């Protein structure tokens, strides 16, 4: 449940400095850079988790405060998304092979933001493709439930090791695929069930 602590402190920062989203984003990046040079044992793990995740949170704050769209409007978004995601995949794989620590540490921020940009372009391309409108609407529903999925995934994701153990499967690729499907789909189904009995909002899931 580490992310609940992280969200709590990020929200405090947002409340205190919501008028200065650029400044708080810049500050989060500077602190993240400083921590990159601090020995891992010098700070509690939860503090490091908060610091390395904060820039993503404050990018969202900046977009919201300035009224900027989450999905950029570009021509030929499909080509852009394909190119960016290919570059992202290559860089992420290279970093993985080079054993570059945590996936969200400072050195990986440009790669992570590149992946997010590629997904944004891909989402825009899907929205403009009539033949894929069903896929776009499904992704839109997942997006609207993203907070609930984020908060609930920790409950359903615990099933994955048990499922894989029963299948005698211990390699990374099945774990990634199974974890993604169960983490997203399972959390979404649980959220829909809580909505059905009208208690989702009491659990701060929307």
N, C-alpha and C. Protein backbone atom coordinates (compact mmCIF):
# COMPACT_ATOMS: atom_id res chain seq x y z
N UNK A 1 0.81 -1.22 0.00
CA UNK A 1 0.00 0.00 0.00
C UNK A 1 0.85 1.28 0.00
N UNK A 2 2.11 1.16 -0.42
CA UNK A 2 3.03 2.30 -0.37
C UNK A 2 2.48 3.50 -1.12
N UNK A 3 1.72 3.26 -2.20
CA UNK A 3 1.27 4.37 -3.05
C UNK A 3 0.26 5.26 -2.33
N UNK A 4 -0.42 4.73 -1.30
CA UNK A 4 -1.35 5.58 -0.54
C UNK A 4 -0.58 6.64 0.24
N UNK A 5 0.55 6.23 0.82
CA UNK A 5 1.42 7.21 1.49
C UNK A 5 1.94 8.23 0.47
N UNK A 6 2.37 7.72 -0.69
CA UNK A 6 2.92 8.60 -1.72
C UNK A 6 1.89 9.60 -2.18
N UNK A 7 0.68 9.13 -2.48
CA UNK A 7 -0.38 10.04 -2.94
C UNK A 7 -0.72 11.08 -1.87
N UNK A 8 -0.70 10.67 -0.62
CA UNK A 8 -1.01 11.59 0.48
C UNK A 8 -0.05 12.78 0.48
N UNK A 9 1.26 12.49 0.43
CA UNK A 9 2.24 13.57 0.49
C UNK A 9 2.27 14.38 -0.81
N UNK A 10 2.04 13.72 -1.96
CA UNK A 10 1.97 14.47 -3.22
C UNK A 10 0.78 15.42 -3.22
N UNK A 11 -0.34 14.97 -2.66
CA UNK A 11 -1.52 15.83 -2.59
C UNK A 11 -1.27 17.03 -1.69
N UNK A 12 -0.55 16.81 -0.59
CA UNK A 12 -0.21 17.93 0.29
C UNK A 12 0.61 18.97 -0.49
N UNK A 13 1.61 18.49 -1.25
CA UNK A 13 2.41 19.40 -2.06
C UNK A 13 1.56 20.14 -3.07
N UNK A 14 0.61 19.44 -3.69
CA UNK A 14 -0.26 20.07 -4.68
C UNK A 14 -1.16 21.13 -4.05
N UNK A 15 -1.68 20.84 -2.85
CA UNK A 15 -2.55 21.80 -2.16
C UNK A 15 -1.77 23.06 -1.79
N UNK A 16 -0.54 22.87 -1.31
CA UNK A 16 0.26 24.01 -0.86
C UNK A 16 0.75 24.87 -2.02
N UNK A 17 1.05 24.25 -3.17
CA UNK A 17 1.69 24.97 -4.27
C UNK A 17 0.91 24.87 -5.57
N UNK A 18 -0.43 24.71 -5.49
CA UNK A 18 -1.20 24.50 -6.71
C UNK A 18 -1.16 25.70 -7.64
N UNK A 19 -0.87 26.88 -7.11
CA UNK A 19 -0.77 28.07 -7.96
C UNK A 19 0.54 28.10 -8.76
N UNK A 20 1.47 27.25 -8.42
CA UNK A 20 2.79 27.26 -9.07
C UNK A 20 3.13 25.86 -9.59
N UNK A 21 2.35 25.34 -10.54
CA UNK A 21 2.57 23.96 -11.00
C UNK A 21 3.91 23.75 -11.68
N UNK A 22 4.39 24.78 -12.40
CA UNK A 22 5.70 24.65 -13.06
C UNK A 22 6.80 24.56 -12.01
N UNK A 23 6.69 25.39 -10.98
CA UNK A 23 7.71 25.41 -9.93
C UNK A 23 7.73 24.09 -9.16
N UNK A 24 6.56 23.55 -8.85
CA UNK A 24 6.54 22.31 -8.08
C UNK A 24 7.01 21.13 -8.92
N UNK A 25 6.73 21.16 -10.24
CA UNK A 25 7.26 20.11 -11.12
C UNK A 25 8.77 20.21 -11.21
N UNK A 26 9.29 21.43 -11.37
CA UNK A 26 10.74 21.63 -11.44
C UNK A 26 11.39 21.19 -10.13
N UNK A 27 10.77 21.53 -9.00
CA UNK A 27 11.32 21.15 -7.70
C UNK A 27 11.34 19.62 -7.56
N UNK A 28 10.28 18.95 -8.01
CA UNK A 28 10.25 17.49 -7.90
C UNK A 28 11.34 16.85 -8.75
N UNK A 29 11.64 17.44 -9.91
CA UNK A 29 12.71 16.92 -10.76
C UNK A 29 14.08 17.13 -10.12
N UNK A 30 14.27 18.30 -9.52
CA UNK A 30 15.55 18.59 -8.86
C UNK A 30 15.79 17.64 -7.70
N UNK A 31 14.75 17.45 -6.86
CA UNK A 31 14.88 16.54 -5.72
C UNK A 31 15.14 15.12 -6.20
N UNK A 32 14.45 14.73 -7.28
CA UNK A 32 14.66 13.40 -7.86
C UNK A 32 16.11 13.23 -8.31
N UNK A 33 16.66 14.27 -8.94
CA UNK A 33 18.05 14.21 -9.40
C UNK A 33 19.01 14.11 -8.22
N UNK A 34 18.76 14.87 -7.18
CA UNK A 34 19.63 14.82 -5.99
C UNK A 34 19.62 13.43 -5.37
N UNK A 35 18.43 12.85 -5.25
CA UNK A 35 18.30 11.53 -4.63
C UNK A 35 19.01 10.45 -5.45
N UNK A 36 19.14 10.70 -6.76
CA UNK A 36 19.84 9.72 -7.62
C UNK A 36 21.28 9.52 -7.19
N UNK A 37 21.86 10.51 -6.48
CA UNK A 37 23.25 10.41 -6.05
C UNK A 37 23.37 10.09 -4.56
N UNK A 38 22.24 9.84 -3.91
CA UNK A 38 22.26 9.50 -2.49
C UNK A 38 22.29 7.99 -2.34
N UNK A 39 23.15 7.44 -1.49
CA UNK A 39 23.19 5.99 -1.28
C UNK A 39 21.80 5.45 -0.91
N UNK A 40 21.46 4.31 -1.47
CA UNK A 40 20.10 3.77 -1.31
C UNK A 40 19.72 3.54 0.15
N UNK A 41 20.72 3.26 0.99
CA UNK A 41 20.43 2.97 2.40
C UNK A 41 20.26 4.24 3.23
N UNK A 42 20.52 5.40 2.64
CA UNK A 42 20.50 6.64 3.41
C UNK A 42 19.08 7.13 3.67
N UNK A 43 18.12 6.73 2.85
CA UNK A 43 16.74 7.19 3.01
C UNK A 43 15.80 6.00 3.11
N UNK A 44 14.72 6.14 3.87
CA UNK A 44 13.71 5.06 3.91
C UNK A 44 13.15 4.82 2.50
N UNK A 45 12.81 3.59 2.20
CA UNK A 45 12.34 3.24 0.87
C UNK A 45 11.09 4.03 0.48
N UNK A 46 10.19 4.26 1.43
CA UNK A 46 8.95 4.97 1.11
C UNK A 46 9.25 6.40 0.68
N UNK A 47 10.27 7.02 1.27
CA UNK A 47 10.65 8.38 0.89
C UNK A 47 11.17 8.40 -0.55
N UNK A 48 12.01 7.42 -0.88
CA UNK A 48 12.53 7.33 -2.25
C UNK A 48 11.39 7.08 -3.24
N UNK A 49 10.46 6.22 -2.87
CA UNK A 49 9.31 5.94 -3.74
C UNK A 49 8.52 7.21 -4.03
N UNK A 50 8.28 8.01 -3.01
CA UNK A 50 7.53 9.26 -3.18
C UNK A 50 8.28 10.20 -4.12
N UNK A 51 9.58 10.34 -3.90
CA UNK A 51 10.38 11.29 -4.69
C UNK A 51 10.44 10.89 -6.15
N UNK A 52 10.67 9.61 -6.44
CA UNK A 52 10.82 9.20 -7.84
C UNK A 52 9.50 9.18 -8.58
N UNK A 53 8.38 9.07 -7.87
CA UNK A 53 7.08 9.06 -8.53
C UNK A 53 6.49 10.46 -8.68
N UNK A 54 6.96 11.40 -7.88
CA UNK A 54 6.36 12.74 -7.83
C UNK A 54 6.32 13.47 -9.18
N UNK A 55 7.37 13.41 -10.01
CA UNK A 55 7.28 14.15 -11.28
C UNK A 55 6.09 13.75 -12.15
N UNK A 56 5.71 12.48 -12.15
CA UNK A 56 4.56 12.04 -12.93
C UNK A 56 3.28 12.70 -12.41
N UNK A 57 3.16 12.75 -11.10
CA UNK A 57 1.99 13.36 -10.47
C UNK A 57 1.90 14.84 -10.81
N UNK A 58 3.04 15.53 -10.75
CA UNK A 58 3.01 16.98 -10.95
C UNK A 58 2.94 17.38 -12.42
N UNK A 59 3.27 16.48 -13.33
CA UNK A 59 2.96 16.72 -14.74
C UNK A 59 1.44 16.76 -14.91
N UNK A 60 0.75 15.82 -14.27
CA UNK A 60 -0.72 15.83 -14.30
C UNK A 60 -1.30 17.09 -13.69
N UNK A 61 -0.71 17.54 -12.59
CA UNK A 61 -1.17 18.78 -11.96
C UNK A 61 -1.00 19.96 -12.91
N UNK A 62 0.13 20.02 -13.60
CA UNK A 62 0.40 21.11 -14.54
C UNK A 62 -0.62 21.10 -15.68
N UNK A 63 -0.88 19.92 -16.25
CA UNK A 63 -1.86 19.82 -17.33
C UNK A 63 -3.24 20.27 -16.86
N UNK A 64 -3.63 19.84 -15.66
CA UNK A 64 -4.96 20.18 -15.14
C UNK A 64 -5.07 21.67 -14.85
N UNK A 65 -4.04 22.25 -14.22
CA UNK A 65 -4.10 23.66 -13.82
C UNK A 65 -4.11 24.58 -15.03
N UNK A 66 -3.41 24.20 -16.09
CA UNK A 66 -3.36 25.03 -17.29
C UNK A 66 -4.48 24.69 -18.28
N UNK A 67 -5.28 23.70 -17.96
CA UNK A 67 -6.36 23.31 -18.85
C UNK A 67 -5.86 22.69 -20.15
N UNK A 68 -4.70 22.05 -20.08
CA UNK A 68 -4.11 21.45 -21.29
C UNK A 68 -4.66 20.05 -21.49
N UNK A 69 -4.86 19.62 -22.74
CA UNK A 69 -5.40 18.28 -22.99
C UNK A 69 -4.37 17.20 -22.67
N UNK A 70 -4.84 16.09 -22.13
CA UNK A 70 -3.94 14.97 -21.85
C UNK A 70 -3.50 14.30 -23.14
N UNK A 71 -4.35 14.35 -24.18
CA UNK A 71 -4.01 13.77 -25.47
C UNK A 71 -3.63 14.89 -26.44
N UNK A 72 -2.40 14.95 -26.90
CA UNK A 72 -1.99 16.01 -27.83
C UNK A 72 -2.69 15.85 -29.18
N UNK A 73 -3.03 16.97 -29.78
CA UNK A 73 -3.66 16.96 -31.10
C UNK A 73 -2.59 17.08 -32.16
N UNK A 74 -2.38 16.01 -32.92
CA UNK A 74 -1.35 16.01 -33.95
C UNK A 74 -1.89 15.31 -35.19
N UNK A 75 -1.34 15.66 -36.34
CA UNK A 75 -1.68 14.96 -37.56
C UNK A 75 -0.88 13.65 -37.62
N UNK A 76 -1.47 12.67 -38.24
CA UNK A 76 -0.82 11.36 -38.40
C UNK A 76 -0.34 10.83 -37.05
N UNK A 77 -1.26 10.86 -36.09
CA UNK A 77 -0.90 10.41 -34.73
C UNK A 77 -0.46 8.96 -34.73
N UNK A 78 -1.03 8.15 -35.63
CA UNK A 78 -0.65 6.74 -35.68
C UNK A 78 0.81 6.54 -36.01
N UNK A 79 1.32 7.31 -36.99
CA UNK A 79 2.73 7.20 -37.34
C UNK A 79 3.61 7.68 -36.19
N UNK A 80 3.21 8.77 -35.57
CA UNK A 80 3.98 9.28 -34.43
C UNK A 80 4.01 8.27 -33.30
N UNK A 81 2.84 7.68 -32.99
CA UNK A 81 2.79 6.73 -31.88
C UNK A 81 3.65 5.51 -32.17
N UNK A 82 3.59 5.02 -33.41
CA UNK A 82 4.40 3.85 -33.76
C UNK A 82 5.88 4.14 -33.62
N UNK A 83 6.31 5.27 -34.16
CA UNK A 83 7.72 5.63 -34.09
C UNK A 83 8.20 5.83 -32.67
N UNK A 84 7.41 6.57 -31.88
CA UNK A 84 7.82 6.86 -30.50
C UNK A 84 7.85 5.60 -29.67
N UNK A 85 6.85 4.72 -29.84
CA UNK A 85 6.81 3.50 -29.05
C UNK A 85 7.93 2.53 -29.43
N UNK A 86 8.32 2.53 -30.70
CA UNK A 86 9.45 1.70 -31.10
C UNK A 86 10.73 2.19 -30.42
N UNK A 87 10.94 3.51 -30.44
CA UNK A 87 12.12 4.09 -29.78
C UNK A 87 12.07 3.81 -28.28
N UNK A 88 10.88 4.00 -27.69
CA UNK A 88 10.72 3.73 -26.26
C UNK A 88 11.06 2.28 -25.94
N UNK A 89 10.52 1.34 -26.72
CA UNK A 89 10.77 -0.07 -26.48
C UNK A 89 12.25 -0.41 -26.56
N UNK A 90 12.93 0.17 -27.57
CA UNK A 90 14.36 -0.07 -27.71
C UNK A 90 15.16 0.47 -26.53
N UNK A 91 14.83 1.68 -26.10
CA UNK A 91 15.54 2.29 -24.98
C UNK A 91 15.27 1.53 -23.67
N UNK A 92 13.99 1.17 -23.45
CA UNK A 92 13.64 0.45 -22.23
C UNK A 92 14.35 -0.90 -22.18
N UNK A 93 14.41 -1.59 -23.33
CA UNK A 93 15.09 -2.88 -23.37
C UNK A 93 16.59 -2.71 -23.11
N UNK A 94 17.17 -1.67 -23.70
CA UNK A 94 18.60 -1.41 -23.49
C UNK A 94 18.90 -1.12 -22.03
N UNK A 95 18.03 -0.33 -21.40
CA UNK A 95 18.22 -0.02 -19.99
C UNK A 95 18.08 -1.28 -19.13
N UNK A 96 17.11 -2.13 -19.51
CA UNK A 96 16.91 -3.38 -18.77
C UNK A 96 18.13 -4.27 -18.88
N UNK A 97 18.67 -4.39 -20.10
CA UNK A 97 19.84 -5.23 -20.32
C UNK A 97 21.07 -4.67 -19.61
N UNK A 98 21.09 -3.34 -19.46
CA UNK A 98 22.22 -2.70 -18.78
C UNK A 98 22.05 -2.70 -17.27
N UNK A 99 20.93 -3.28 -16.78
CA UNK A 99 20.65 -3.37 -15.35
C UNK A 99 20.64 -1.98 -14.69
N UNK A 100 19.93 -1.06 -15.35
CA UNK A 100 19.82 0.29 -14.81
C UNK A 100 18.69 0.32 -13.79
N UNK A 101 18.99 -0.06 -12.58
CA UNK A 101 18.13 0.07 -11.40
C UNK A 101 16.63 0.07 -11.61
N UNK A 102 15.97 0.95 -10.86
CA UNK A 102 14.52 1.03 -10.85
C UNK A 102 14.01 1.65 -12.15
N UNK A 103 12.85 1.21 -12.63
CA UNK A 103 12.33 1.74 -13.89
C UNK A 103 11.89 3.18 -13.82
N UNK A 104 11.72 3.74 -12.63
CA UNK A 104 11.30 5.13 -12.53
C UNK A 104 12.35 6.03 -11.90
N UNK A 105 13.59 5.57 -11.81
CA UNK A 105 14.61 6.45 -11.26
C UNK A 105 14.93 7.56 -12.26
N UNK A 106 15.68 8.57 -11.82
CA UNK A 106 15.82 9.81 -12.60
C UNK A 106 16.32 9.56 -14.01
N UNK A 107 17.29 8.68 -14.16
CA UNK A 107 17.87 8.44 -15.48
C UNK A 107 16.84 7.84 -16.45
N UNK A 108 15.79 7.24 -15.90
CA UNK A 108 14.76 6.63 -16.74
C UNK A 108 13.59 7.57 -17.02
N UNK A 109 13.55 8.75 -16.40
CA UNK A 109 12.42 9.66 -16.59
C UNK A 109 12.19 10.01 -18.07
N UNK A 110 13.24 10.37 -18.83
CA UNK A 110 12.99 10.67 -20.25
C UNK A 110 12.40 9.49 -21.01
N UNK A 111 12.85 8.29 -20.68
CA UNK A 111 12.32 7.09 -21.34
C UNK A 111 10.86 6.88 -20.95
N UNK A 112 10.56 7.04 -19.67
CA UNK A 112 9.19 6.85 -19.20
C UNK A 112 8.24 7.87 -19.83
N UNK A 113 8.65 9.12 -19.88
CA UNK A 113 7.80 10.16 -20.47
C UNK A 113 7.65 9.93 -21.97
N UNK A 114 8.66 9.40 -22.61
CA UNK A 114 8.56 9.06 -24.03
C UNK A 114 7.50 7.98 -24.24
N UNK A 115 7.48 6.98 -23.37
CA UNK A 115 6.46 5.94 -23.46
C UNK A 115 5.06 6.50 -23.26
N UNK A 116 4.91 7.41 -22.29
CA UNK A 116 3.61 8.04 -22.06
C UNK A 116 3.16 8.86 -23.27
N UNK A 117 4.09 9.57 -23.88
CA UNK A 117 3.77 10.37 -25.06
C UNK A 117 3.34 9.46 -26.22
N UNK A 118 4.06 8.35 -26.40
CA UNK A 118 3.68 7.41 -27.44
C UNK A 118 2.29 6.85 -27.23
N UNK A 119 1.95 6.52 -25.99
CA UNK A 119 0.61 6.02 -25.69
C UNK A 119 -0.46 7.09 -25.91
N UNK A 120 -0.11 8.35 -25.62
CA UNK A 120 -1.06 9.44 -25.86
C UNK A 120 -1.35 9.58 -27.35
N UNK A 121 -0.30 9.52 -28.17
CA UNK A 121 -0.49 9.60 -29.62
C UNK A 121 -1.29 8.40 -30.13
N UNK A 122 -1.00 7.22 -29.57
CA UNK A 122 -1.74 6.03 -29.99
C UNK A 122 -3.22 6.16 -29.64
N UNK A 123 -3.51 6.70 -28.46
CA UNK A 123 -4.90 6.92 -28.06
C UNK A 123 -5.59 7.89 -29.01
N UNK A 124 -4.89 8.95 -29.40
CA UNK A 124 -5.45 9.92 -30.34
C UNK A 124 -5.73 9.26 -31.69
N UNK A 125 -4.81 8.41 -32.13
CA UNK A 125 -5.01 7.72 -33.42
C UNK A 125 -6.23 6.80 -33.35
N UNK A 126 -6.43 6.10 -32.25
CA UNK A 126 -7.57 5.21 -32.11
C UNK A 126 -8.88 5.99 -32.12
N UNK A 127 -8.88 7.17 -31.51
CA UNK A 127 -10.09 7.99 -31.47
C UNK A 127 -10.52 8.44 -32.86
N UNK A 128 -9.55 8.60 -33.76
CA UNK A 128 -9.86 9.11 -35.11
C UNK A 128 -10.05 7.99 -36.13
N UNK A 129 -9.97 6.75 -35.68
CA UNK A 129 -10.14 5.62 -36.60
C UNK A 129 -11.51 5.00 -36.34
N UNK A 130 -12.44 5.24 -37.28
CA UNK A 130 -13.82 4.78 -37.08
C UNK A 130 -13.91 3.27 -36.91
N UNK A 131 -13.06 2.53 -37.62
CA UNK A 131 -13.13 1.07 -37.56
C UNK A 131 -12.67 0.53 -36.21
N UNK A 132 -11.97 1.37 -35.44
CA UNK A 132 -11.49 0.95 -34.13
C UNK A 132 -12.20 1.70 -33.00
N UNK A 133 -13.38 2.25 -33.31
CA UNK A 133 -14.09 3.05 -32.32
C UNK A 133 -14.46 2.23 -31.09
N UNK A 134 -14.75 0.93 -31.29
CA UNK A 134 -15.10 0.07 -30.15
C UNK A 134 -13.92 -0.05 -29.20
N UNK A 135 -12.71 -0.12 -29.76
CA UNK A 135 -11.51 -0.21 -28.93
C UNK A 135 -11.27 1.10 -28.19
N UNK A 136 -11.48 2.22 -28.90
CA UNK A 136 -11.30 3.53 -28.29
C UNK A 136 -12.28 3.73 -27.14
N UNK A 137 -13.54 3.31 -27.34
CA UNK A 137 -14.53 3.49 -26.27
C UNK A 137 -14.18 2.62 -25.06
N UNK A 138 -13.66 1.43 -25.31
CA UNK A 138 -13.24 0.57 -24.20
C UNK A 138 -12.09 1.16 -23.42
N UNK A 139 -11.11 1.71 -24.14
CA UNK A 139 -9.98 2.35 -23.48
C UNK A 139 -10.44 3.59 -22.71
N UNK A 140 -11.43 4.30 -23.26
CA UNK A 140 -11.95 5.49 -22.58
C UNK A 140 -12.58 5.10 -21.25
N UNK A 141 -13.31 3.98 -21.25
CA UNK A 141 -13.94 3.53 -19.99
C UNK A 141 -12.87 3.13 -18.97
N UNK A 142 -11.82 2.48 -19.45
CA UNK A 142 -10.72 2.13 -18.54
C UNK A 142 -10.06 3.39 -18.00
N UNK A 143 -9.92 4.39 -18.87
CA UNK A 143 -9.32 5.65 -18.43
C UNK A 143 -10.15 6.33 -17.37
N UNK A 144 -11.46 6.32 -17.53
CA UNK A 144 -12.35 6.93 -16.54
C UNK A 144 -12.30 6.20 -15.21
N UNK A 145 -11.96 4.91 -15.27
CA UNK A 145 -11.88 4.11 -14.04
C UNK A 145 -10.44 3.93 -13.57
N UNK A 146 -9.51 4.71 -14.14
CA UNK A 146 -8.09 4.46 -13.87
C UNK A 146 -7.73 4.65 -12.40
N UNK A 147 -8.36 5.61 -11.73
CA UNK A 147 -8.07 5.80 -10.30
C UNK A 147 -8.49 4.56 -9.51
N UNK A 148 -9.68 4.05 -9.80
CA UNK A 148 -10.17 2.86 -9.10
C UNK A 148 -9.26 1.66 -9.39
N UNK A 149 -8.87 1.49 -10.65
CA UNK A 149 -7.98 0.38 -11.02
C UNK A 149 -6.66 0.51 -10.28
N UNK A 150 -6.16 1.73 -10.20
CA UNK A 150 -4.88 1.97 -9.52
C UNK A 150 -4.97 1.60 -8.04
N UNK A 151 -6.09 1.95 -7.41
CA UNK A 151 -6.23 1.70 -5.98
C UNK A 151 -6.58 0.24 -5.67
N UNK A 152 -7.30 -0.41 -6.59
CA UNK A 152 -7.77 -1.77 -6.33
C UNK A 152 -6.79 -2.86 -6.79
N UNK A 153 -5.84 -2.49 -7.65
CA UNK A 153 -5.00 -3.53 -8.24
C UNK A 153 -4.21 -4.31 -7.19
N UNK A 154 -3.88 -3.66 -6.09
CA UNK A 154 -3.08 -4.33 -5.07
C UNK A 154 -3.84 -5.50 -4.46
N UNK A 155 -5.18 -5.43 -4.47
CA UNK A 155 -5.99 -6.50 -3.89
C UNK A 155 -6.08 -7.70 -4.82
N UNK A 156 -6.32 -7.43 -6.12
CA UNK A 156 -6.50 -8.54 -7.06
C UNK A 156 -5.16 -9.09 -7.57
N UNK A 157 -4.13 -8.25 -7.55
CA UNK A 157 -2.84 -8.69 -8.10
C UNK A 157 -2.19 -9.79 -7.26
N UNK A 158 -2.62 -9.87 -6.01
CA UNK A 158 -2.08 -10.92 -5.14
C UNK A 158 -2.45 -12.31 -5.64
N UNK A 159 -3.44 -12.40 -6.54
CA UNK A 159 -3.84 -13.69 -7.09
C UNK A 159 -2.82 -14.24 -8.09
N UNK A 160 -2.06 -13.33 -8.72
CA UNK A 160 -1.18 -13.74 -9.82
C UNK A 160 -0.13 -14.77 -9.41
N UNK A 161 0.63 -14.56 -8.33
CA UNK A 161 1.62 -15.58 -7.95
C UNK A 161 0.99 -16.94 -7.70
N UNK A 162 -0.21 -16.95 -7.13
CA UNK A 162 -0.89 -18.22 -6.85
C UNK A 162 -1.31 -18.90 -8.15
N UNK A 163 -1.82 -18.12 -9.11
CA UNK A 163 -2.21 -18.68 -10.41
C UNK A 163 -1.01 -19.28 -11.11
N UNK A 164 0.09 -18.53 -11.15
CA UNK A 164 1.29 -19.01 -11.83
C UNK A 164 1.90 -20.22 -11.13
N UNK A 165 1.81 -20.23 -9.82
CA UNK A 165 2.34 -21.38 -9.07
C UNK A 165 1.56 -22.64 -9.41
N UNK A 166 0.24 -22.51 -9.51
CA UNK A 166 -0.58 -23.66 -9.87
C UNK A 166 -0.27 -24.15 -11.29
N UNK A 167 0.16 -23.23 -12.15
CA UNK A 167 0.50 -23.58 -13.53
C UNK A 167 1.96 -24.01 -13.66
N UNK A 168 2.71 -23.97 -12.54
CA UNK A 168 4.14 -24.30 -12.53
C UNK A 168 4.90 -23.40 -13.52
N UNK A 169 4.54 -22.13 -13.50
CA UNK A 169 5.14 -21.15 -14.41
C UNK A 169 5.85 -20.09 -13.58
N UNK A 170 7.16 -19.92 -13.84
CA UNK A 170 7.93 -19.00 -12.99
C UNK A 170 8.77 -18.01 -13.81
N UNK A 171 8.49 -17.87 -15.12
CA UNK A 171 9.28 -16.97 -15.96
C UNK A 171 8.63 -15.59 -16.04
N UNK A 172 9.39 -14.62 -16.54
CA UNK A 172 8.97 -13.22 -16.47
C UNK A 172 7.82 -12.88 -17.42
N UNK A 173 7.86 -13.39 -18.66
CA UNK A 173 6.85 -12.99 -19.65
C UNK A 173 5.43 -13.40 -19.24
N UNK A 174 5.19 -14.66 -18.86
CA UNK A 174 3.84 -15.00 -18.39
C UNK A 174 3.41 -14.19 -17.17
N UNK A 175 4.37 -13.90 -16.29
CA UNK A 175 4.04 -13.09 -15.11
C UNK A 175 3.61 -11.69 -15.52
N UNK A 176 4.29 -11.12 -16.51
CA UNK A 176 3.94 -9.78 -16.99
C UNK A 176 2.55 -9.78 -17.63
N UNK A 177 2.29 -10.76 -18.51
CA UNK A 177 1.00 -10.82 -19.21
C UNK A 177 -0.13 -11.09 -18.22
N UNK A 178 0.07 -12.09 -17.37
CA UNK A 178 -0.96 -12.45 -16.40
C UNK A 178 -1.19 -11.31 -15.41
N UNK A 179 -0.11 -10.70 -14.97
CA UNK A 179 -0.23 -9.59 -14.02
C UNK A 179 -0.98 -8.42 -14.60
N UNK A 180 -0.72 -8.10 -15.87
CA UNK A 180 -1.41 -6.99 -16.52
C UNK A 180 -2.90 -7.28 -16.68
N UNK A 181 -3.21 -8.48 -17.18
CA UNK A 181 -4.61 -8.84 -17.40
C UNK A 181 -5.40 -8.88 -16.09
N UNK A 182 -4.82 -9.54 -15.10
CA UNK A 182 -5.52 -9.66 -13.81
C UNK A 182 -5.56 -8.31 -13.11
N UNK A 183 -4.43 -7.59 -13.14
CA UNK A 183 -4.38 -6.31 -12.44
C UNK A 183 -5.35 -5.30 -13.00
N UNK A 184 -5.48 -5.24 -14.33
CA UNK A 184 -6.38 -4.26 -14.96
C UNK A 184 -7.81 -4.79 -15.00
N UNK A 185 -8.00 -5.96 -15.62
CA UNK A 185 -9.36 -6.48 -15.79
C UNK A 185 -10.00 -6.83 -14.44
N UNK A 186 -9.23 -7.48 -13.57
CA UNK A 186 -9.77 -7.84 -12.27
C UNK A 186 -10.17 -6.63 -11.44
N UNK A 187 -9.32 -5.60 -11.47
CA UNK A 187 -9.62 -4.37 -10.73
C UNK A 187 -10.84 -3.68 -11.30
N UNK A 188 -10.95 -3.69 -12.63
CA UNK A 188 -12.10 -3.03 -13.28
C UNK A 188 -13.40 -3.75 -12.94
N UNK A 189 -13.38 -5.08 -12.96
CA UNK A 189 -14.58 -5.85 -12.62
C UNK A 189 -14.97 -5.60 -11.17
N UNK A 190 -13.98 -5.56 -10.28
CA UNK A 190 -14.26 -5.28 -8.87
C UNK A 190 -14.86 -3.88 -8.72
N UNK A 191 -14.31 -2.92 -9.46
CA UNK A 191 -14.84 -1.55 -9.41
C UNK A 191 -16.29 -1.51 -9.89
N UNK A 192 -16.60 -2.21 -10.99
CA UNK A 192 -17.97 -2.23 -11.50
C UNK A 192 -18.92 -2.85 -10.47
N UNK A 193 -18.44 -3.87 -9.77
CA UNK A 193 -19.26 -4.47 -8.73
C UNK A 193 -19.55 -3.50 -7.59
N UNK A 194 -18.54 -2.73 -7.20
CA UNK A 194 -18.72 -1.73 -6.14
C UNK A 194 -19.63 -0.60 -6.61
N UNK A 195 -19.54 -0.25 -7.89
CA UNK A 195 -20.45 0.75 -8.44
C UNK A 195 -21.89 0.22 -8.44
N UNK A 196 -22.03 -1.07 -8.76
CA UNK A 196 -23.36 -1.67 -8.84
C UNK A 196 -24.08 -1.60 -7.51
N UNK A 197 -23.34 -1.79 -6.42
CA UNK A 197 -23.97 -1.74 -5.10
C UNK A 197 -23.84 -0.35 -4.47
N UNK A 198 -23.35 0.60 -5.28
CA UNK A 198 -23.34 2.03 -4.94
C UNK A 198 -22.51 2.37 -3.71
N UNK A 199 -21.35 1.76 -3.61
CA UNK A 199 -20.46 2.13 -2.50
C UNK A 199 -19.10 2.60 -3.01
N UNK A 200 -18.91 2.65 -4.34
CA UNK A 200 -17.60 3.03 -4.88
C UNK A 200 -17.17 4.41 -4.43
N UNK A 201 -18.11 5.36 -4.42
CA UNK A 201 -17.71 6.73 -4.06
C UNK A 201 -17.38 6.86 -2.58
N UNK A 202 -17.95 5.97 -1.75
CA UNK A 202 -17.63 6.02 -0.33
C UNK A 202 -16.23 5.50 -0.06
N UNK A 203 -15.69 4.74 -1.02
CA UNK A 203 -14.33 4.23 -0.90
C UNK A 203 -13.34 5.10 -1.67
N UNK A 204 -13.79 6.29 -2.10
CA UNK A 204 -12.96 7.27 -2.84
C UNK A 204 -12.43 6.69 -4.14
N UNK A 205 -13.25 5.86 -4.81
CA UNK A 205 -12.83 5.25 -6.07
C UNK A 205 -13.26 6.08 -7.28
N UNK A 206 -13.92 7.19 -7.04
CA UNK A 206 -14.23 8.11 -8.16
C UNK A 206 -14.52 9.50 -7.61
